[in-house]
Amino acid sequence: MLRFLLPAAALALLLPSVASAVQITAFGQTSGNNTITATANAAGTQTTINATDAQVDVTQLFNNSPFNGVDFNLNATSVDAAQILGGAVIQHYTGTFCITSAAGCGGTNILSGSFSDAAFGALGGQGLVLNVNSPPDTLNLSSSVIPATDLASPNSFNLTFSNVTPLLSIDNQTIASFGGSFSGSASASVVDTPEPKSLLLLAAGLLAFGVTRARYRA
């Protein structure tokens, strides 16, 4: 009987893991004031969007407990001219972000990354969304509390800017300067590894199948 069990268990352990897209984190600023600053250059050709050590609560983190009162940093710079599509504006950005336990991207790296993306919103509105979807965008994520295998592409990162003040507008060729608040989320292709209990059940099933076949042949 053991000669059937060993191949069955070995086969179960060799079964490939399956990746599935899940939300790995959700976070939002704790301050009631605007913590995002967007600044258009004097020529109106480029905009930078920044947050410096903004306090956030991480309300959801994959396979980890939430973190409260940690630091969020963002630096994003536009790489093309803003385009108006109907009543909306879209402009592409590249940048970096970090959510860490200490200021200046120090301490525990809860989640950080580099990206290229698009920001879009309704002209004259109070909102703007920075959205990264890889592919086709570029998004590289890292964390000291989430395994690298659970941060693989396809993945995404989203920031929602609210209370945009003054209202969203264009300054020559770029999104005009504004202040705002934010919340965000990220998702990735988490690798689903079968639990030991599931592997044992599969091995037992294969064992039973092997015994049945042996008896049939006898």
Protein backbone atom coordinates (compact mmCIF):
# COMPACT_ATOMS: atom_id res chain seq x y z
CA MET A 1 0.00 0.00 0.00
CA LEU A 2 2.90 2.34 0.79
CA ARG A 3 4.11 2.03 -2.80
CA PHE A 4 0.90 3.79 -3.90
CA LEU A 5 1.00 6.47 -1.20
CA LEU A 6 4.47 7.78 -1.95
CA PRO A 7 3.89 8.49 -5.67
CA ALA A 8 0.51 10.05 -4.84
CA ALA A 9 1.96 12.41 -2.24
CA ALA A 10 4.85 13.30 -4.53
CA LEU A 11 2.45 14.11 -7.36
CA ALA A 12 0.36 16.30 -5.08
CA LEU A 13 3.40 18.31 -4.03
CA LEU A 14 4.41 18.81 -7.66
CA LEU A 15 1.09 20.32 -8.67
CA PRO A 16 1.58 23.91 -9.92
CA SER A 17 0.49 26.90 -7.83
CA VAL A 18 -2.23 29.10 -9.24
CA ALA A 19 -2.10 32.92 -9.35
CA SER A 20 -5.19 35.03 -8.75
CA ALA A 21 -5.63 38.79 -8.69
CA VAL A 22 -6.55 40.13 -5.25
CA GLN A 23 -6.47 43.49 -3.49
CA ILE A 24 -3.33 43.53 -1.38
CA THR A 25 -3.78 46.86 0.39
CA ALA A 26 -6.12 49.77 1.01
CA PHE A 27 -5.14 53.00 2.74
CA GLY A 28 -6.19 56.59 3.31
CA GLN A 29 -4.90 59.74 4.90
CA THR A 30 -5.78 60.44 8.53
CA SER A 31 -5.63 64.24 8.30
CA GLY A 32 -8.72 66.28 7.58
CA ASN A 33 -6.57 68.75 5.64
CA ASN A 34 -5.22 68.50 2.12
CA THR A 35 -1.92 66.58 2.05
CA ILE A 36 -1.38 66.33 -1.73
CA THR A 37 0.32 69.20 -3.54
CA ALA A 38 0.37 69.46 -7.33
CA THR A 39 2.61 72.15 -8.79
CA ALA A 40 2.68 73.27 -12.43
CA ASN A 41 5.93 74.85 -13.63
CA ALA A 42 6.06 78.49 -14.71
CA ALA A 43 5.80 77.60 -18.41
CA GLY A 44 2.72 75.45 -17.87
CA THR A 45 4.37 72.44 -19.49
CA GLN A 46 4.84 70.02 -16.58
CA THR A 47 3.21 69.19 -13.26
CA THR A 48 4.59 67.39 -10.22
CA ILE A 49 2.32 65.74 -7.64
CA ASN A 50 3.77 65.23 -4.17
CA ALA A 51 2.96 63.98 -0.70
CA THR A 52 5.60 64.21 2.02
CA ASP A 53 5.28 61.98 5.09
CA ALA A 54 1.48 62.16 5.01
CA GLN A 55 -0.01 60.10 7.84
CA VAL A 56 -2.14 57.18 6.63
CA ASP A 57 -4.00 54.23 8.08
CA VAL A 58 -3.48 51.00 6.15
CA THR A 59 -6.91 49.46 6.66
CA GLN A 60 -6.21 46.26 4.72
CA LEU A 61 -2.94 44.46 4.01
CA PHE A 62 -2.63 41.02 2.44
CA ASN A 63 -1.98 38.33 5.08
CA ASN A 64 -1.00 41.00 7.63
CA SER A 65 -2.59 43.11 10.34
CA PRO A 66 -3.49 46.73 9.45
CA PHE A 67 -1.03 49.53 10.20
CA ASN A 68 -2.15 52.82 11.72
CA GLY A 69 -0.38 56.15 11.61
CA VAL A 70 2.32 55.27 9.08
CA ASP A 71 3.92 57.50 6.46
CA PHE A 72 3.06 57.91 2.79
CA ASN A 73 5.34 59.61 0.27
CA LEU A 74 4.60 60.27 -3.39
CA ASN A 75 6.56 61.93 -6.17
CA ALA A 76 5.05 61.92 -9.66
CA THR A 77 5.97 64.04 -12.68
CA SER A 78 4.02 64.47 -15.90
CA VAL A 79 5.68 63.19 -19.07
CA ASP A 80 3.38 64.57 -21.77
CA ALA A 81 0.92 67.34 -22.45
CA ALA A 82 -2.51 67.14 -20.86
CA GLN A 83 -5.26 66.14 -23.29
CA ILE A 84 -8.90 67.11 -23.10
CA LEU A 85 -11.35 64.35 -24.02
CA GLY A 86 -14.92 65.58 -23.87
CA GLY A 87 -15.23 67.15 -20.46
CA ALA A 88 -12.29 65.25 -18.98
CA VAL A 89 -8.53 65.75 -18.85
CA ILE A 90 -5.90 62.99 -19.04
CA GLN A 91 -2.15 63.27 -18.51
CA HIS A 92 0.56 60.62 -18.07
CA TYR A 93 2.96 60.52 -15.12
CA THR A 94 5.95 58.56 -13.87
CA GLY A 95 6.94 58.39 -10.24
CA THR A 96 7.50 56.55 -6.99
CA PHE A 97 5.62 56.01 -3.76
CA CYS A 98 6.23 54.41 -0.39
CA ILE A 99 4.19 53.44 2.65
CA THR A 100 6.58 52.96 5.56
CA SER A 101 6.65 52.90 9.35
CA ALA A 102 9.05 55.87 9.53
CA ALA A 103 9.40 59.21 7.77
CA GLY A 104 11.30 59.59 4.53
CA CYS A 105 10.56 56.03 3.35
CA GLY A 106 12.38 54.65 6.39
CA GLY A 107 11.58 51.82 8.78
CA THR A 108 9.42 48.91 7.66
CA ASN A 109 8.59 48.93 3.96
CA ILE A 110 4.88 48.14 4.03
CA LEU A 111 4.53 48.75 0.29
CA SER A 112 6.51 50.83 -2.18
CA GLY A 113 6.90 51.04 -5.91
CA SER A 114 7.73 52.84 -9.12
CA PHE A 115 5.22 53.40 -11.89
CA SER A 116 4.16 54.97 -15.17
CA ASP A 117 0.48 55.75 -15.45
CA ALA A 118 -2.34 58.08 -16.40
CA ALA A 119 -4.15 60.63 -14.27
CA PHE A 120 -7.63 61.64 -15.32
CA GLY A 121 -10.54 63.65 -14.02
CA ALA A 122 -13.43 65.92 -14.97
CA LEU A 123 -12.49 69.50 -15.77
CA GLY A 124 -14.01 71.83 -13.20
CA GLY A 125 -14.44 68.96 -10.74
CA GLN A 126 -13.01 68.21 -7.30
CA GLY A 127 -11.55 64.81 -8.15
CA LEU A 128 -8.58 63.28 -9.98
CA VAL A 129 -7.64 59.60 -10.27
CA LEU A 130 -4.10 58.31 -10.75
CA ASN A 131 -4.40 54.79 -12.15
CA VAL A 132 -1.70 52.21 -12.95
CA ASN A 133 -2.51 48.88 -14.57
CA SER A 134 0.42 46.63 -15.44
CA PRO A 135 0.26 45.67 -18.23
CA PRO A 136 0.13 47.91 -20.26
CA ASP A 137 1.51 50.42 -17.72
CA THR A 138 4.68 49.82 -15.74
CA LEU A 139 4.41 49.00 -12.03
CA ASN A 140 7.13 47.51 -9.82
CA LEU A 141 6.10 46.75 -6.24
CA SER A 142 8.20 45.78 -3.23
CA SER A 143 7.48 45.10 0.44
CA SER A 144 9.21 43.71 3.50
CA VAL A 145 5.95 42.22 4.82
CA ILE A 146 4.43 40.81 1.61
CA PRO A 147 6.46 38.18 -0.33
CA ALA A 148 7.71 39.25 -3.75
CA THR A 149 5.87 36.30 -5.31
CA ASP A 150 2.60 37.91 -4.19
CA LEU A 151 3.33 41.23 -5.89
CA ALA A 152 3.69 39.96 -9.44
CA SER A 153 2.21 41.47 -12.59
CA PRO A 154 -0.53 41.78 -13.64
CA ASN A 155 -0.90 44.28 -10.81
CA SER A 156 -2.37 47.72 -10.22
CA PHE A 157 -2.03 50.82 -8.05
CA ASN A 158 -4.66 53.52 -7.67
CA LEU A 159 -4.79 56.89 -5.95
CA THR A 160 -7.97 58.91 -5.71
CA PHE A 161 -7.50 62.62 -5.08
CA SER A 162 -10.50 64.40 -3.59
CA ASN A 163 -11.24 67.97 -2.48
CA VAL A 164 -9.12 69.24 -5.40
CA THR A 165 -8.68 72.96 -4.74
CA PRO A 166 -8.91 75.01 -6.86
CA LEU A 167 -11.12 72.94 -9.14
CA LEU A 168 -9.34 70.78 -11.73
CA SER A 169 -8.16 72.86 -14.68
CA ILE A 170 -5.46 73.18 -17.36
CA ASP A 171 -2.54 75.60 -17.16
CA ASN A 172 -1.36 75.98 -20.76
CA GLN A 173 -0.38 72.35 -21.54
CA THR A 174 -0.50 70.71 -18.11
CA ILE A 175 -2.78 70.11 -15.14
CA ALA A 176 -2.85 73.29 -13.07
CA SER A 177 -1.54 73.48 -9.50
CA PHE A 178 -3.88 72.21 -6.79
CA GLY A 179 -4.09 70.80 -3.29
CA GLY A 180 -6.05 67.69 -2.38
CA SER A 181 -6.69 64.73 -0.12
CA PHE A 182 -6.16 61.09 -1.08
CA SER A 183 -6.93 57.43 -0.57
CA GLY A 184 -5.49 54.46 -2.40
CA SER A 185 -5.37 50.74 -3.07
CA ALA A 186 -3.21 48.16 -4.81
CA SER A 187 -3.78 44.68 -6.21
CA ALA A 188 -1.49 41.97 -7.51
CA SER A 189 -1.38 38.38 -8.76
CA VAL A 190 -1.09 36.46 -5.51
CA VAL A 191 0.19 32.89 -5.81
CA ASP A 192 -2.30 30.43 -4.32
CA THR A 193 -0.32 27.57 -2.77
CA PRO A 194 -2.38 24.49 -1.85
CA GLU A 195 -2.71 24.03 1.92
CA PRO A 196 -1.13 20.90 3.49
CA LYS A 197 -4.62 19.59 4.32
CA SER A 198 -5.63 19.89 0.67
CA LEU A 199 -2.47 18.10 -0.41
CA LEU A 200 -3.16 15.25 2.00
CA LEU A 201 -6.72 14.89 0.72
CA LEU A 202 -5.45 14.78 -2.83
CA ALA A 203 -2.81 12.22 -1.91
CA ALA A 204 -5.44 10.09 -0.17
CA GLY A 205 -7.63 10.23 -3.25
CA LEU A 206 -4.80 9.18 -5.49
CA LEU A 207 -3.97 6.39 -3.06
CA ALA A 208 -7.52 5.08 -3.15
CA PHE A 209 -7.47 5.22 -6.92
CA GLY A 210 -4.22 3.24 -6.98
CA VAL A 211 -5.54 0.58 -4.58
CA THR A 212 -8.72 0.19 -6.62
CA ARG A 213 -6.74 -0.31 -9.80
CA ALA A 214 -4.47 -2.85 -8.06
CA ARG A 215 -7.44 -4.87 -6.86
CA TYR A 216 -9.02 -4.73 -10.28
CA ARG A 217 -5.87 -6.09 -11.90
CA ALA A 218 -5.66 -8.84 -9.26
